Amino acid sequence: MKPLTRLFIVTVFCAAGVTLGQQPKEENPHRPRTINRNNWIGKRVLTKEFMEQVGLQNAQAEKLKADLEAIHAKSQKIEESINRDALRQAEVAKKVLSEPGANTDELMGIIERIGQSRTEQAKLATRQLIVIRDSLTAEQRAKATDIFTAEGKRRMEIRAAERAARELREKQAFPTATKNSATPHN
C-alpha cells in the first residue's frame, strides 16, 4: 500500500473517531455537562447544611440561589446548543468522510461553534464561583474556605484510595501484563 494511501486511511479513521466521539448516544445518554457536574463547590453552597454552617440566611441565601439558578439556566441552553451541533456535526462528517474532496468548511464551522460553547460554559462556571464569593461576607468566606479545604482534602484522599484499589485489582487481574510493562524493552 502506498504511503499516501495509508496516510489518507489513518486520517479518515482519526477524523471519524473524533467526530463520532462528540456525538451524543441517544440509547445511553451521558450526564449533561451542566455547570455543576464537576463543580462540587457550586453544589455544596446550595445545601441547607452549608448555609447553616456559614450563616447564610433569608434574603442573602435567596439572592445567591437565584443568581446561581440564572447561571445554570444559561449553561443548560448552551448544553442544548452543543448537543444540537454535535448531532449536526455527525451528519456532516459522514458526508465529508464518504465523499473524497468534499468541502469541510461546514464541518469545521460546527467544531468551532462547539468549542466556543464549551468556552462559554467554562466562563459561566467561573462566574458561578465569583457570584458565590461576592455573595458572602468576609467572615462567611473564611468559614466556607475552611469547609471547602477540608472537603477537598477528604475528596483527594478518597480518590487516592480508589486509585490504589483499582491499581491493585489490575495487578491481580493481569499479573504478567504488569510485569512485562514494567520491564524495559530492548
Protein backbone atom coordinates (compact mmCIF):
# COMPACT_ATOMS: atom_id res chain seq x y z
CA MET A 1 0.00 0.00 0.00
CA LYS A 2 1.34 3.41 -0.93
CA PRO A 3 2.35 5.71 1.96
CA LEU A 4 -0.04 8.43 0.79
CA THR A 5 -2.96 5.98 0.71
CA ARG A 6 -2.05 4.68 4.15
CA LEU A 7 -1.87 8.26 5.49
CA PHE A 8 -5.28 9.04 3.99
CA ILE A 9 -6.85 5.96 5.62
CA VAL A 10 -5.34 6.78 9.01
CA THR A 11 -6.53 10.38 8.71
CA VAL A 12 -10.09 9.30 7.84
CA PHE A 13 -10.24 6.93 10.81
CA CYS A 14 -8.88 9.57 13.19
CA ALA A 15 -11.35 12.17 11.94
CA ALA A 16 -14.21 9.69 12.23
CA GLY A 17 -13.17 8.80 15.77
CA VAL A 18 -13.05 12.43 16.87
CA THR A 19 -16.33 13.25 15.16
CA LEU A 20 -18.23 10.25 16.44
CA GLY A 21 -16.74 10.73 19.90
CA GLN A 22 -18.62 14.02 20.19
CA GLN A 23 -21.91 12.55 19.00
CA PRO A 24 -24.39 12.07 21.86
CA LYS A 25 -25.58 8.49 22.23
CA GLU A 26 -29.36 8.52 22.38
CA GLU A 27 -29.71 4.95 23.64
CA ASN A 28 -27.46 5.64 26.64
CA PRO A 29 -27.43 9.38 27.30
CA HIS A 30 -24.47 10.70 29.25
CA ARG A 31 -24.85 13.01 32.17
CA PRO A 32 -25.14 16.51 30.80
CA ARG A 33 -22.13 18.80 31.10
CA THR A 34 -24.03 21.09 33.40
CA ILE A 35 -22.36 23.88 35.24
CA ASN A 36 -22.34 21.89 38.49
CA ARG A 37 -21.39 18.49 37.06
CA ASN A 38 -17.80 18.74 38.29
CA ASN A 39 -18.18 21.85 40.41
CA TRP A 40 -18.73 20.38 43.84
CA ILE A 41 -18.37 23.82 45.41
CA GLY A 42 -21.39 25.08 43.49
CA LYS A 43 -23.36 22.01 44.55
CA ARG A 44 -22.29 22.30 48.17
CA VAL A 45 -23.11 26.01 48.55
CA LEU A 46 -26.80 25.44 47.92
CA THR A 47 -27.21 22.77 50.59
CA LYS A 48 -29.07 23.61 53.78
CA GLU A 49 -26.18 22.23 55.86
CA PHE A 50 -23.63 24.54 54.21
CA MET A 51 -25.88 27.59 54.54
CA GLU A 52 -26.33 26.89 58.26
CA GLN A 53 -22.60 26.30 58.83
CA VAL A 54 -21.62 29.52 57.06
CA GLY A 55 -24.52 31.59 58.35
CA LEU A 56 -26.31 32.31 55.07
CA GLN A 57 -29.84 33.41 55.85
CA ASN A 58 -33.05 34.66 54.26
CA ALA A 59 -32.54 37.33 51.61
CA GLN A 60 -28.82 36.63 51.24
CA ALA A 61 -29.46 32.91 50.65
CA GLU A 62 -32.38 33.59 48.30
CA LYS A 63 -30.34 36.03 46.20
CA LEU A 64 -27.42 33.60 45.96
CA LYS A 65 -29.77 30.79 44.94
CA ALA A 66 -31.47 32.96 42.30
CA ASP A 67 -28.13 34.14 40.87
CA LEU A 68 -26.79 30.58 40.65
CA GLU A 69 -30.01 29.31 39.07
CA ALA A 70 -29.81 32.05 36.42
CA ILE A 71 -26.26 30.99 35.58
CA HIS A 72 -27.34 27.35 35.49
CA ALA A 73 -30.19 28.18 33.07
CA LYS A 74 -27.72 29.85 30.70
CA SER A 75 -25.44 26.82 30.91
CA GLN A 76 -28.34 24.48 30.13
CA LYS A 77 -29.17 26.46 26.97
CA ILE A 78 -25.54 26.21 25.90
CA GLU A 79 -25.58 22.46 26.62
CA GLU A 80 -28.64 22.05 24.38
CA SER A 81 -26.87 24.00 21.65
CA ILE A 82 -23.78 21.78 21.97
CA ASN A 83 -25.92 18.66 21.64
CA ARG A 84 -27.67 20.01 18.53
CA ASP A 85 -24.34 20.99 17.00
CA ALA A 86 -22.82 17.59 17.81
CA LEU A 87 -25.67 15.82 16.03
CA ARG A 88 -25.29 18.10 13.01
CA GLN A 89 -21.52 17.57 13.10
CA ALA A 90 -22.00 13.80 12.91
CA GLU A 91 -24.32 14.17 9.90
CA VAL A 92 -21.94 16.48 8.05
CA ALA A 93 -18.91 14.36 8.97
CA LYS A 94 -20.49 11.25 7.44
CA LYS A 95 -20.95 13.14 4.18
CA VAL A 96 -17.47 14.67 4.24
CA LEU A 97 -15.77 11.38 5.09
CA SER A 98 -17.64 9.46 2.41
CA GLU A 99 -17.01 11.93 -0.43
CA PRO A 100 -13.34 12.47 -1.32
CA GLY A 101 -12.65 16.14 -1.93
CA ALA A 102 -15.86 17.26 -0.13
CA ASN A 103 -15.85 20.77 1.27
CA THR A 104 -15.07 20.72 5.01
CA ASP A 105 -15.98 24.33 5.81
CA GLU A 106 -19.35 23.49 7.38
CA LEU A 107 -17.83 20.70 9.48
CA MET A 108 -15.03 22.92 10.72
CA GLY A 109 -17.53 25.69 11.48
CA ILE A 110 -19.59 23.35 13.64
CA ILE A 111 -16.47 22.22 15.50
CA GLU A 112 -15.63 25.91 16.12
CA ARG A 113 -19.14 26.59 17.49
CA ILE A 114 -18.92 23.63 19.85
CA GLY A 115 -15.55 24.87 21.10
CA GLN A 116 -16.91 28.38 21.65
CA SER A 117 -19.90 26.96 23.51
CA ARG A 118 -17.66 24.92 25.80
CA THR A 119 -15.59 28.03 26.47
CA GLU A 120 -18.79 29.87 27.41
CA GLN A 121 -19.69 27.08 29.82
CA ALA A 122 -16.26 27.32 31.45
CA LYS A 123 -16.74 31.07 31.82
CA LEU A 124 -20.13 30.50 33.43
CA ALA A 125 -18.62 28.01 35.88
CA THR A 126 -16.07 30.66 36.86
CA ARG A 127 -18.84 33.26 37.04
CA GLN A 128 -20.62 30.98 39.47
CA LEU A 129 -17.61 30.98 41.79
CA ILE A 130 -17.41 34.77 41.56
CA VAL A 131 -21.10 35.09 42.47
CA ILE A 132 -20.51 32.85 45.49
CA ARG A 133 -17.51 34.95 46.53
CA ASP A 134 -19.39 38.22 46.13
CA SER A 135 -22.46 36.92 47.98
CA LEU A 136 -20.60 36.03 51.17
CA THR A 137 -19.25 38.34 53.83
CA ALA A 138 -15.56 38.12 54.77
CA GLU A 139 -16.42 36.01 57.82
CA GLN A 140 -18.62 33.70 55.75
CA ARG A 141 -15.89 33.34 53.10
CA ALA A 142 -13.42 32.32 55.83
CA LYS A 143 -15.84 29.65 57.12
CA ALA A 144 -16.55 28.50 53.57
CA THR A 145 -12.85 28.25 52.79
CA ASP A 146 -12.33 26.04 55.85
CA ILE A 147 -15.24 23.81 54.81
CA PHE A 148 -14.07 23.58 51.18
CA THR A 149 -10.46 22.91 52.19
CA ALA A 150 -11.48 20.05 54.50
CA GLU A 151 -13.85 18.59 51.91
CA GLY A 152 -11.29 18.94 49.13
CA LYS A 153 -8.71 17.10 51.22
CA ARG A 154 -11.24 14.37 52.01
CA ARG A 155 -12.13 14.01 48.30
CA MET A 156 -8.46 13.75 47.33
CA GLU A 157 -7.92 11.03 49.95
CA ILE A 158 -10.92 9.09 48.65
CA ARG A 159 -9.67 9.36 45.05
CA ALA A 160 -6.18 8.23 46.08
CA ALA A 161 -7.63 5.21 47.91
CA GLU A 162 -9.86 4.35 44.93
CA ARG A 163 -6.90 4.68 42.55
CA ALA A 164 -4.75 2.42 44.75
CA ALA A 165 -7.54 -0.17 44.96
CA ARG A 166 -8.04 -0.04 41.17
CA GLU A 167 -4.30 -0.47 40.55
CA LEU A 168 -4.20 -3.41 42.95
CA ARG A 169 -7.16 -5.07 41.18
CA GLU A 170 -5.44 -4.54 37.83
CA LYS A 171 -2.20 -6.04 39.10
CA GLN A 172 -4.07 -9.06 40.45
CA ALA A 173 -6.12 -9.48 37.27
CA PHE A 174 -3.19 -9.08 34.87
CA PRO A 175 0.00 -10.01 36.76
CA THR A 176 2.07 -10.83 33.67
CA ALA A 177 0.99 -7.69 31.82
CA THR A 178 2.12 -5.52 34.69
CA LYS A 179 5.46 -7.30 34.96
CA ASN A 180 6.06 -7.03 31.21
CA SER A 181 5.10 -3.35 31.04
CA ALA A 182 7.40 -2.51 33.93
CA THR A 183 10.33 -4.20 32.25
CA PRO A 184 12.25 -2.04 29.75
CA HIS A 185 12.18 -3.40 26.22
CA ASN A 186 15.35 -3.74 24.16
